[in-house]
Protein backbone atom coordinates (compact mmCIF):
# COMPACT_ATOMS: atom_id res chain seq x y z
CA MET A 1 157.94 102.16 130.81
CA ILE A 2 157.93 105.09 128.41
CA VAL A 3 158.43 102.74 125.46
CA PHE A 4 155.54 100.54 126.64
CA ASN A 5 153.17 103.52 126.92
CA LEU A 6 154.27 104.80 123.53
CA LYS A 7 153.61 101.37 122.03
CA GLN A 8 150.13 101.29 123.56
CA TYR A 9 149.47 104.80 122.30
CA LEU A 10 150.53 103.89 118.76
CA GLN A 11 148.35 100.77 118.83
CA LEU A 12 145.37 102.82 120.00
CA LEU A 13 146.07 105.48 117.38
CA LEU A 14 146.32 102.83 114.66
CA PHE A 15 143.04 101.22 115.78
CA THR A 16 141.29 104.61 115.89
CA CYS A 17 142.52 105.50 112.41
CA PHE A 18 141.44 102.12 111.06
CA PHE A 19 138.00 102.36 112.71
CA THR A 20 137.49 105.92 111.45
CA PHE A 21 138.57 105.01 107.92
CA ASN A 22 136.34 101.94 107.94
CA LEU A 23 133.35 103.95 109.18
CA TYR A 24 134.06 106.64 106.58
CA SER A 25 134.23 104.03 103.81
CA GLN A 26 130.96 102.43 104.94
CA ASN A 27 129.18 105.78 105.08
CA GLU A 28 130.47 106.76 101.64
CA GLU A 29 129.05 103.49 100.32
CA ILE A 30 125.69 104.26 101.96
CA LYS A 31 125.67 107.72 100.36
CA SER A 32 126.43 106.09 97.02
CA LEU A 33 123.40 103.83 97.47
CA CYS A 34 121.29 106.89 98.23
CA LYS A 35 122.62 108.60 95.10
CA ASN A 36 121.76 105.56 92.99
CA LEU A 37 118.18 105.53 94.26
CA CYS A 38 117.86 109.18 93.21
CA SER A 39 119.14 108.55 89.69
CA GLU A 40 117.18 108.66 86.45
CA LYS A 41 117.42 104.86 86.22
CA TYR A 42 114.79 104.57 88.95
CA PHE A 43 112.82 107.59 87.65
CA GLY A 44 111.53 108.81 90.99
CA ARG A 45 110.81 105.27 92.28
CA GLY A 46 107.23 105.60 91.09
CA TYR A 47 104.91 104.23 88.46
CA VAL A 48 106.46 105.40 85.19
CA LYS A 49 109.22 103.42 83.46
CA GLY A 50 109.01 100.70 86.13
CA GLY A 51 110.79 102.87 88.68
CA ASP A 52 109.27 101.31 91.77
CA SER A 53 109.89 97.72 90.61
CA LEU A 54 113.52 98.39 89.67
CA SER A 55 114.05 100.03 93.06
CA ALA A 56 112.54 97.06 94.89
CA PHE A 57 114.87 94.59 93.15
CA TYR A 58 117.86 96.86 93.88
CA ILE A 59 116.99 97.07 97.59
CA ALA A 60 116.47 93.30 97.84
CA ASP A 61 119.89 92.72 96.25
CA GLU A 62 121.49 95.02 98.84
CA PHE A 63 119.82 93.10 101.67
CA LYS A 64 121.12 89.84 100.20
CA LYS A 65 124.67 91.23 99.90
CA ARG A 66 124.57 92.02 103.60
CA GLY A 67 123.66 88.45 104.50
CA LEU A 68 120.13 89.15 105.68
CA GLN A 69 117.56 86.38 105.53
CA SER A 70 114.28 86.32 103.64
CA ILE A 71 110.87 85.71 105.20
CA ASN A 72 109.06 82.58 104.05
CA GLY A 73 111.54 82.19 101.22
CA THR A 74 111.11 85.62 99.62
CA PHE A 75 112.26 89.20 100.12
CA PHE A 76 109.02 90.58 98.65
CA GLN A 77 105.43 91.08 99.73
CA GLU A 78 103.31 91.91 96.69
CA PHE A 79 100.11 93.94 96.67
CA TYR A 80 98.06 95.91 94.15
CA PHE A 81 96.46 99.34 93.89
CA ASP A 82 95.22 101.84 91.31
CA VAL A 83 97.43 104.81 90.49
CA ASN A 84 97.19 107.73 88.06
CA THR A 85 100.32 108.29 85.97
CA PHE A 86 101.73 110.66 83.36
CA PRO A 87 103.82 108.41 81.11
CA SER A 88 104.49 110.51 78.01
CA HIS A 89 103.66 114.04 76.83
CA MET A 90 103.73 116.83 79.41
CA GLU A 91 103.62 120.05 77.41
CA LEU A 92 102.11 123.43 78.20
CA LYS A 93 102.59 126.48 75.96
CA ILE A 94 101.55 130.02 76.76
CA ASP A 95 102.00 132.56 73.98
CA ASP A 96 104.34 130.13 72.18
CA LYS A 97 106.58 129.78 75.24
CA LEU A 98 107.10 126.14 76.21
CA LEU A 99 106.95 125.95 79.99
CA LYS A 100 109.11 123.66 82.13
CA PRO A 101 107.28 120.86 83.95
CA GLY A 102 108.14 120.77 87.64
CA ILE A 103 109.51 124.32 87.57
CA ASP A 104 106.91 126.51 85.86
CA PHE A 105 103.94 124.22 86.42
CA LEU A 106 102.65 121.00 87.93
CA VAL A 107 99.53 119.04 87.14
CA ASP A 108 97.21 117.87 89.85
CA PRO A 109 98.05 114.16 90.34
CA SER A 110 94.45 113.15 89.60
CA SER A 111 94.39 115.03 86.29
CA GLY A 112 93.08 113.51 83.09
CA SER A 113 94.57 114.08 79.65
CA SER A 114 94.39 117.40 77.81
CA LYS A 115 95.39 117.96 74.20
CA LYS A 116 93.93 121.15 72.79
CA LYS A 117 94.02 124.88 72.27
CA TRP A 118 92.36 126.61 75.16
CA ASN A 119 89.35 128.87 74.68
CA PHE A 120 89.31 129.99 78.27
CA GLN A 121 87.53 132.31 80.62
CA LEU A 122 89.88 134.30 82.86
CA LEU A 123 88.68 134.54 86.45
CA LYS A 124 89.97 136.45 89.46
CA PRO A 125 89.52 135.49 93.14
CA ASN A 126 86.51 137.75 93.62
CA ASP A 127 84.76 136.08 90.69
CA LEU A 128 84.90 132.83 92.64
CA LEU A 129 84.43 134.06 96.20
CA GLU A 130 81.51 136.45 95.66
CA ASN A 131 79.09 133.80 94.41
CA SER A 132 76.56 132.46 96.89
CA SER A 133 77.22 128.86 95.87
CA PHE A 134 79.28 126.75 93.49
CA SER A 135 76.20 126.02 91.38
CA VAL A 136 75.64 129.75 90.85
CA LEU A 137 79.26 130.14 89.73
CA LEU A 138 78.97 127.16 87.41
CA ASP A 139 75.78 128.54 85.85
CA LYS A 140 77.49 131.86 85.12
CA ILE A 141 80.42 130.14 83.45
CA SER A 142 78.18 127.75 81.51
CA ASN A 143 76.37 130.69 79.91
CA ASN A 144 79.49 131.25 77.83
CA ASN A 145 79.21 128.38 75.35
CA SER A 146 82.41 129.29 73.52
CA ILE A 147 84.81 128.33 76.34
CA ASN A 148 86.35 124.91 76.95
CA SER A 149 88.62 125.84 79.86
CA ILE A 150 89.23 128.23 82.76
CA VAL A 151 92.24 130.20 83.99
CA ILE A 152 92.15 131.47 87.58
CA GLN A 153 94.52 134.26 88.59
CA ALA A 154 95.28 133.76 92.30
CA LYS A 155 98.83 135.12 92.57
CA ASP A 156 99.81 136.45 96.01
CA LEU A 157 96.73 134.91 97.60
CA LYS A 158 97.40 133.16 100.93
CA GLY A 159 95.73 131.50 103.89
CA ASP A 160 92.06 130.57 103.97
CA SER A 161 91.28 132.52 100.81
CA LEU A 162 93.79 130.46 98.84
CA LYS A 163 92.43 127.22 100.33
CA GLN A 164 88.95 128.24 99.24
CA ILE A 165 90.13 129.09 95.71
CA LYS A 166 91.93 125.73 95.45
CA SER A 167 88.77 123.93 96.51
CA VAL A 168 86.69 125.74 93.90
CA ALA A 169 89.33 125.10 91.20
CA LYS A 170 89.23 121.39 92.01
CA LYS A 171 85.44 121.34 91.67
CA LEU A 172 85.60 123.26 88.39
CA SER A 173 88.01 120.67 87.00
CA ASP A 174 85.12 118.21 87.03
CA TYR A 175 83.69 120.27 84.15
CA TYR A 176 86.61 122.10 82.50
CA ASP A 177 90.36 122.02 82.12
CA VAL A 178 91.63 124.55 84.67
CA ILE A 179 94.83 126.52 85.20
CA LEU A 180 95.30 127.95 88.70
CA ILE A 181 98.04 130.59 88.91
CA LEU A 182 99.76 130.65 92.33
CA SER A 183 102.72 132.24 94.07
CA GLU A 184 103.25 129.45 96.59
CA LYS A 185 105.72 126.58 96.24
CA LEU A 186 104.60 123.86 93.84
CA THR A 187 104.44 120.36 95.33
CA PHE A 188 103.43 117.11 93.65
CA SER A 189 101.79 113.98 95.05
CA VAL A 190 100.18 110.70 93.96
CA SER A 191 96.53 109.93 93.22
CA ASN A 192 94.60 106.66 93.04
CA VAL A 193 91.89 108.19 90.82
CA GLN A 194 91.70 110.10 87.56
CA MET A 195 89.50 113.11 86.83
CA LYS A 196 87.90 113.71 83.45
CA HIS A 197 89.76 117.01 83.03
CA THR A 198 93.17 118.50 83.79
CA LEU A 199 94.00 120.85 86.67
CA ILE A 200 97.30 122.69 86.23
CA TYR A 201 99.09 124.71 88.91
CA LEU A 202 101.09 127.53 87.33
CA LYS A 203 103.86 129.30 89.24
CA ASP A 204 103.91 133.12 89.19
CA LEU A 205 103.21 133.59 85.47
CA GLU A 206 100.88 136.05 83.79
CA VAL A 207 98.07 134.92 81.50
CA GLN A 208 96.10 137.58 79.64
CA LYS A 209 92.59 137.33 78.21
CA ASN A 210 94.01 137.07 74.71
CA SER A 211 96.91 134.72 75.58
CA LEU A 212 97.36 131.62 73.44
CA VAL A 213 97.35 128.50 75.62
CA GLU A 214 98.01 124.99 74.30
CA SER A 215 98.30 121.73 76.21
CA ASN A 216 99.47 118.24 75.35
CA ILE A 217 99.25 116.23 78.56
CA ILE A 218 98.74 112.48 78.61
CA SER A 219 97.60 110.65 81.73
CA GLN A 220 97.00 106.95 82.27
CA LEU A 221 95.16 105.36 85.16
CA LYS A 222 96.82 102.06 86.01
CA SER A 223 94.44 99.55 87.53
CA ASN A 224 95.83 96.95 89.92
CA HIS A 225 99.41 98.15 89.66
CA LYS A 226 101.72 95.58 91.27
CA ALA A 227 103.89 96.96 94.08
CA ARG A 228 106.31 95.25 96.46
CA ASN A 229 107.29 95.74 100.07
CA VAL A 230 110.90 94.57 100.51
CA LEU A 231 111.61 92.67 103.75
CA ALA A 232 114.67 91.06 105.33
CA VAL A 233 115.58 89.65 108.74
CA LEU A 234 118.70 89.99 110.87
CA PRO A 235 118.23 87.12 113.37
CA ALA A 236 118.98 87.43 117.07
CA LYS A 237 122.02 85.62 118.45
CA LYS A 238 119.68 83.16 120.19
CA PRO A 239 116.25 81.98 118.96
CA THR A 240 113.42 84.26 120.11
CA ASN A 241 109.90 85.30 119.14
CA HIS A 242 110.62 88.97 119.86
CA TYR A 243 111.02 91.30 116.89
CA LEU A 244 112.06 94.88 116.29
CA PHE A 245 111.03 96.46 112.97
CA ILE A 246 113.08 99.20 111.30
CA THR A 247 111.23 100.64 108.33
CA ALA A 248 111.45 103.29 105.63
CA HIS A 249 109.41 103.82 102.48
CA TYR A 250 111.41 103.65 99.26
CA ASP A 251 108.71 104.80 96.83
CA HIS A 252 108.44 108.40 95.72
CA LEU A 253 106.40 110.37 93.19
CA GLY A 254 107.82 108.94 89.98
CA GLY A 255 107.67 111.12 86.89
CA MET A 256 105.52 113.84 85.40
CA GLY A 257 105.84 113.03 81.72
CA ASP A 258 108.62 110.94 80.21
CA LYS A 259 111.41 113.46 80.83
CA VAL A 260 110.82 115.01 84.26
CA PHE A 261 111.08 112.94 87.43
CA PHE A 262 111.11 113.62 91.16
CA PRO A 263 114.37 112.23 92.66
CA GLY A 264 113.04 112.02 96.23
CA ALA A 265 116.47 112.27 97.84
CA ASN A 266 115.43 113.40 101.30
CA ASP A 267 112.01 111.79 100.89
CA ASN A 268 112.99 109.03 101.18
CA ALA A 269 116.14 107.71 99.55
CA SER A 270 117.88 109.04 102.66
CA GLY A 271 115.77 106.86 104.97
CA THR A 272 116.04 103.82 102.72
CA SER A 273 119.83 104.06 102.59
CA MET A 274 119.89 104.39 106.38
CA LEU A 275 118.31 100.92 106.57
CA PHE A 276 121.50 99.61 104.96
CA ALA A 277 123.70 101.64 107.33
CA LEU A 278 121.90 100.25 110.37
CA THR A 279 122.08 96.75 108.93
CA ASP A 280 125.86 97.08 108.64
CA LEU A 281 126.23 98.40 112.19
CA LEU A 282 123.74 96.15 113.99
CA SER A 283 125.04 92.99 112.33
CA THR A 284 128.30 93.43 114.29
CA GLN A 285 126.54 93.72 117.67
CA LYS A 286 124.88 91.31 120.08
CA ARG A 287 121.17 91.19 119.41
CA LYS A 288 118.56 89.87 121.84
CA LYS A 289 115.75 90.44 119.33
CA ASN A 290 115.27 89.61 115.68
CA ILE A 291 115.44 92.75 113.58
CA VAL A 292 113.23 93.03 110.50
CA PHE A 293 114.09 95.67 107.93
CA ILE A 294 111.22 96.72 105.67
CA ALA A 295 111.37 99.10 102.72
CA PHE A 296 107.72 99.94 102.13
CA ALA A 297 106.10 100.69 98.78
CA GLY A 298 102.99 102.79 98.25
CA GLU A 299 103.60 105.27 101.07
CA GLU A 300 103.15 108.33 98.87
CA ALA A 301 99.93 106.82 97.47
CA GLY A 302 98.39 106.72 100.95
CA LEU A 303 100.42 104.48 103.29
CA ILE A 304 99.24 101.51 101.23
CA GLY A 305 102.26 99.23 101.68
CA SER A 306 102.33 99.46 105.47
CA LYS A 307 98.54 99.07 105.65
CA TYR A 308 98.85 95.93 103.54
CA TYR A 309 101.53 94.52 105.84
CA VAL A 310 99.46 95.17 108.97
CA ASP A 311 96.47 93.49 107.33
CA HIS A 312 98.63 90.57 106.09
CA PRO A 313 101.51 90.30 108.60
CA LEU A 314 104.34 87.90 107.81
CA ILE A 315 105.47 88.26 111.44
CA PRO A 316 102.49 88.37 113.83
CA LEU A 317 101.87 91.86 115.18
CA THR A 318 101.83 90.47 118.72
CA ASN A 319 105.49 89.47 118.30
CA ILE A 320 106.61 92.99 117.32
CA ASP A 321 107.93 94.89 120.34
CA PHE A 322 108.57 98.16 118.52
CA VAL A 323 108.59 99.80 115.07
CA LEU A 324 111.13 102.51 114.21
CA ASN A 325 110.13 104.28 111.00
CA LEU A 326 112.66 106.54 109.26
CA ASP A 327 111.68 109.21 106.76
CA ILE A 328 113.52 112.36 105.61
CA MET A 329 116.94 111.54 107.06
CA GLY A 330 119.18 113.75 104.92
CA SER A 331 119.60 116.81 107.16
CA GLY A 332 119.35 117.07 110.97
CA GLU A 333 121.15 120.37 111.54
CA GLU A 334 118.14 121.45 113.63
CA GLY A 335 117.62 118.05 115.25
CA ILE A 336 114.82 115.53 114.81
CA THR A 337 111.08 115.28 115.39
CA VAL A 338 109.58 112.13 116.91
CA VAL A 339 105.98 111.41 115.94
CA ASN A 340 104.11 109.35 118.58
CA ALA A 341 106.51 110.56 121.30
CA THR A 342 103.57 111.58 123.48
CA GLU A 343 101.92 108.18 122.93
CA TYR A 344 104.89 106.23 124.34
CA PRO A 345 106.60 108.51 126.90
CA LYS A 346 108.76 105.79 128.48
CA ILE A 347 110.28 104.81 125.13
CA PHE A 348 110.71 108.48 124.29
CA ASP A 349 112.64 108.95 127.56
CA LYS A 350 115.04 106.21 126.43
CA LEU A 351 115.53 108.07 123.16
CA VAL A 352 116.22 111.37 124.91
CA ASN A 353 118.63 109.75 127.38
CA THR A 354 120.53 108.15 124.50
CA ASN A 355 121.10 111.62 123.12
CA LYS A 356 121.95 113.16 126.52
CA ASN A 357 124.74 110.68 127.11
CA ASN A 358 126.53 111.44 123.84
CA LYS A 359 124.99 114.71 122.54
CA TYR A 360 124.49 113.41 119.01
CA LEU A 361 121.75 115.88 118.08
CA SER A 362 121.04 119.52 118.89
CA ASN A 363 117.32 119.05 119.48
CA ILE A 364 114.73 116.29 119.87
CA LYS A 365 111.21 117.58 119.35
CA LYS A 366 108.28 115.47 120.48
CA ARG A 367 105.03 115.25 118.59
CA GLY A 368 101.77 113.39 119.03
CA LYS A 369 99.91 110.94 116.84
CA ALA A 370 99.82 111.65 113.09
CA ALA A 371 98.92 109.59 110.02
CA ASN A 372 101.87 110.93 108.05
CA SER A 373 104.09 107.90 107.46
CA ASP A 374 104.30 104.12 107.70
CA HIS A 375 104.42 103.93 111.50
CA TYR A 376 100.73 104.85 111.63
CA TRP A 377 99.02 101.55 110.89
CA PHE A 378 101.25 99.70 113.36
CA SER A 379 100.46 101.97 116.29
CA GLU A 380 96.77 101.99 115.32
CA ASN A 381 96.88 98.21 115.68
CA GLY A 382 98.54 98.11 119.08
CA VAL A 383 102.23 98.00 118.10
CA PRO A 384 104.36 100.77 119.68
CA ALA A 385 105.92 102.83 116.89
CA PHE A 386 107.92 106.00 116.36
CA PHE A 387 108.31 107.98 113.17
CA ILE A 388 111.53 110.01 113.18
CA TYR A 389 112.36 112.72 110.65
CA THR A 390 115.18 115.25 110.58
CA MET A 391 114.88 119.02 110.66
CA GLY A 392 117.15 121.42 108.82
CA PRO A 393 117.44 124.17 106.22
CA ASN A 394 116.66 121.85 103.29
CA LYS A 395 113.02 122.60 102.42
CA ASN A 396 112.90 120.75 99.10
CA TYR A 397 109.90 118.48 99.48
CA HIS A 398 107.80 116.75 96.80
CA ASP A 399 109.48 118.78 94.09
CA VAL A 400 112.11 118.28 91.39
CA LEU A 401 114.74 119.99 93.58
CA ASP A 402 114.77 117.19 96.18
CA THR A 403 118.01 115.90 94.68
CA TYR A 404 120.99 114.02 96.05
CA GLU A 405 123.16 117.11 95.50
CA ASN A 406 120.91 119.12 97.83
CA LEU A 407 121.36 116.73 100.77
CA SER A 408 123.80 117.93 103.41
CA PHE A 409 124.32 114.63 105.30
CA ASN A 410 125.76 116.88 108.04
CA GLU A 411 124.29 114.77 110.86
CA TYR A 412 124.07 111.44 109.04
CA ASN A 413 126.93 109.72 110.88
CA ASP A 414 125.68 110.91 114.27
CA LEU A 415 122.15 109.82 113.37
CA ILE A 416 123.29 106.31 112.50
CA GLU A 417 125.21 105.93 115.77
CA PHE A 418 122.42 107.55 117.79
CA LEU A 419 119.74 105.25 116.34
CA SER A 420 121.83 102.11 116.77
CA ASN A 421 122.44 102.95 120.44
CA PHE A 422 118.74 103.69 120.96
CA ILE A 423 117.82 100.35 119.38
CA LYS A 424 119.98 98.55 121.96
CA LYS A 425 117.80 100.00 124.74
CA ILE A 426 114.47 98.83 123.35
């Protein structure tokens, strides 16, 4: 009897070790995929050096490797939009010091090109806020015919005053190249339009009235840029017209110049790689519904890829029971936030109960409707959808420090298991 129990124990131990090792190996592979998406090869998965297209082909290949099926004979859904880019020079000198793009300064994403020596007027917050109207301010500046640019010193300004200064700086950039000096964190984004002039955000640096400022910044507005949503299907065990969508945007901000790029590790290489992790796990389980995995393009440019899908659905929206959208999945030490939780309380209860049973996460915070990721257009068109993002100490967002090395992955394994168990209940 003792020998029999010992044999059973050893078999169980061997199985546990094998399962743990296999899970560890799979998760290391998923992290490797995330790391690849953050690499210079894909250059921020944006619109410089073909980063978004290369990423789309890479993701499609990974879906194929996992045995997923295409939709209507293709893994891609193509669409087009305008986007402003910075494909080459990105140089700013102040008093012969060459500043670092992404660290010392960022350009507004809608900026035009600027190649010149600056003859600028230096303004302080009161110079902008004390005028009765923008036209009065513009008239005062225009009286100085010798200037071709403006520098605004707004260091240490916060709150509504800073918002007002930013708004005025944006308006001034319709007429002049502008530098706005700030103390707050610099964050980049994507624009579909291009201004005539350049607006530069400068981080915590001093510019004097007699400072020498030179810029060499090249922008290019791409018209009808081709982008691709990447789609794949994991069929149910038995034929059905019911579908569950699991989505994550793979695009990011691309580059600012030809040397500096935004890796977008947490936003959203982490969510894209989790699509692969869930594919691996769900493919081994019984499935009553077809599961469609979509890596959306154009999210950072204004939720364009998901809007295009909803307007041109390859699976009818009426056949989609639920959409689970994943964005910013690389932390989780402080739990997760669920956007649209208040819109679908019964589904949210299932999510909470999944966590209660196994205590995967320390906190699940509910939030209402928000147009902040690719879930939005689905729920606006009658398809129940959640957007889940992790919370944690990593605050690198839309900057050059959102790197693979700065991801903790501390809750990644628990997140994968938690989400797969939640999916079973939908």
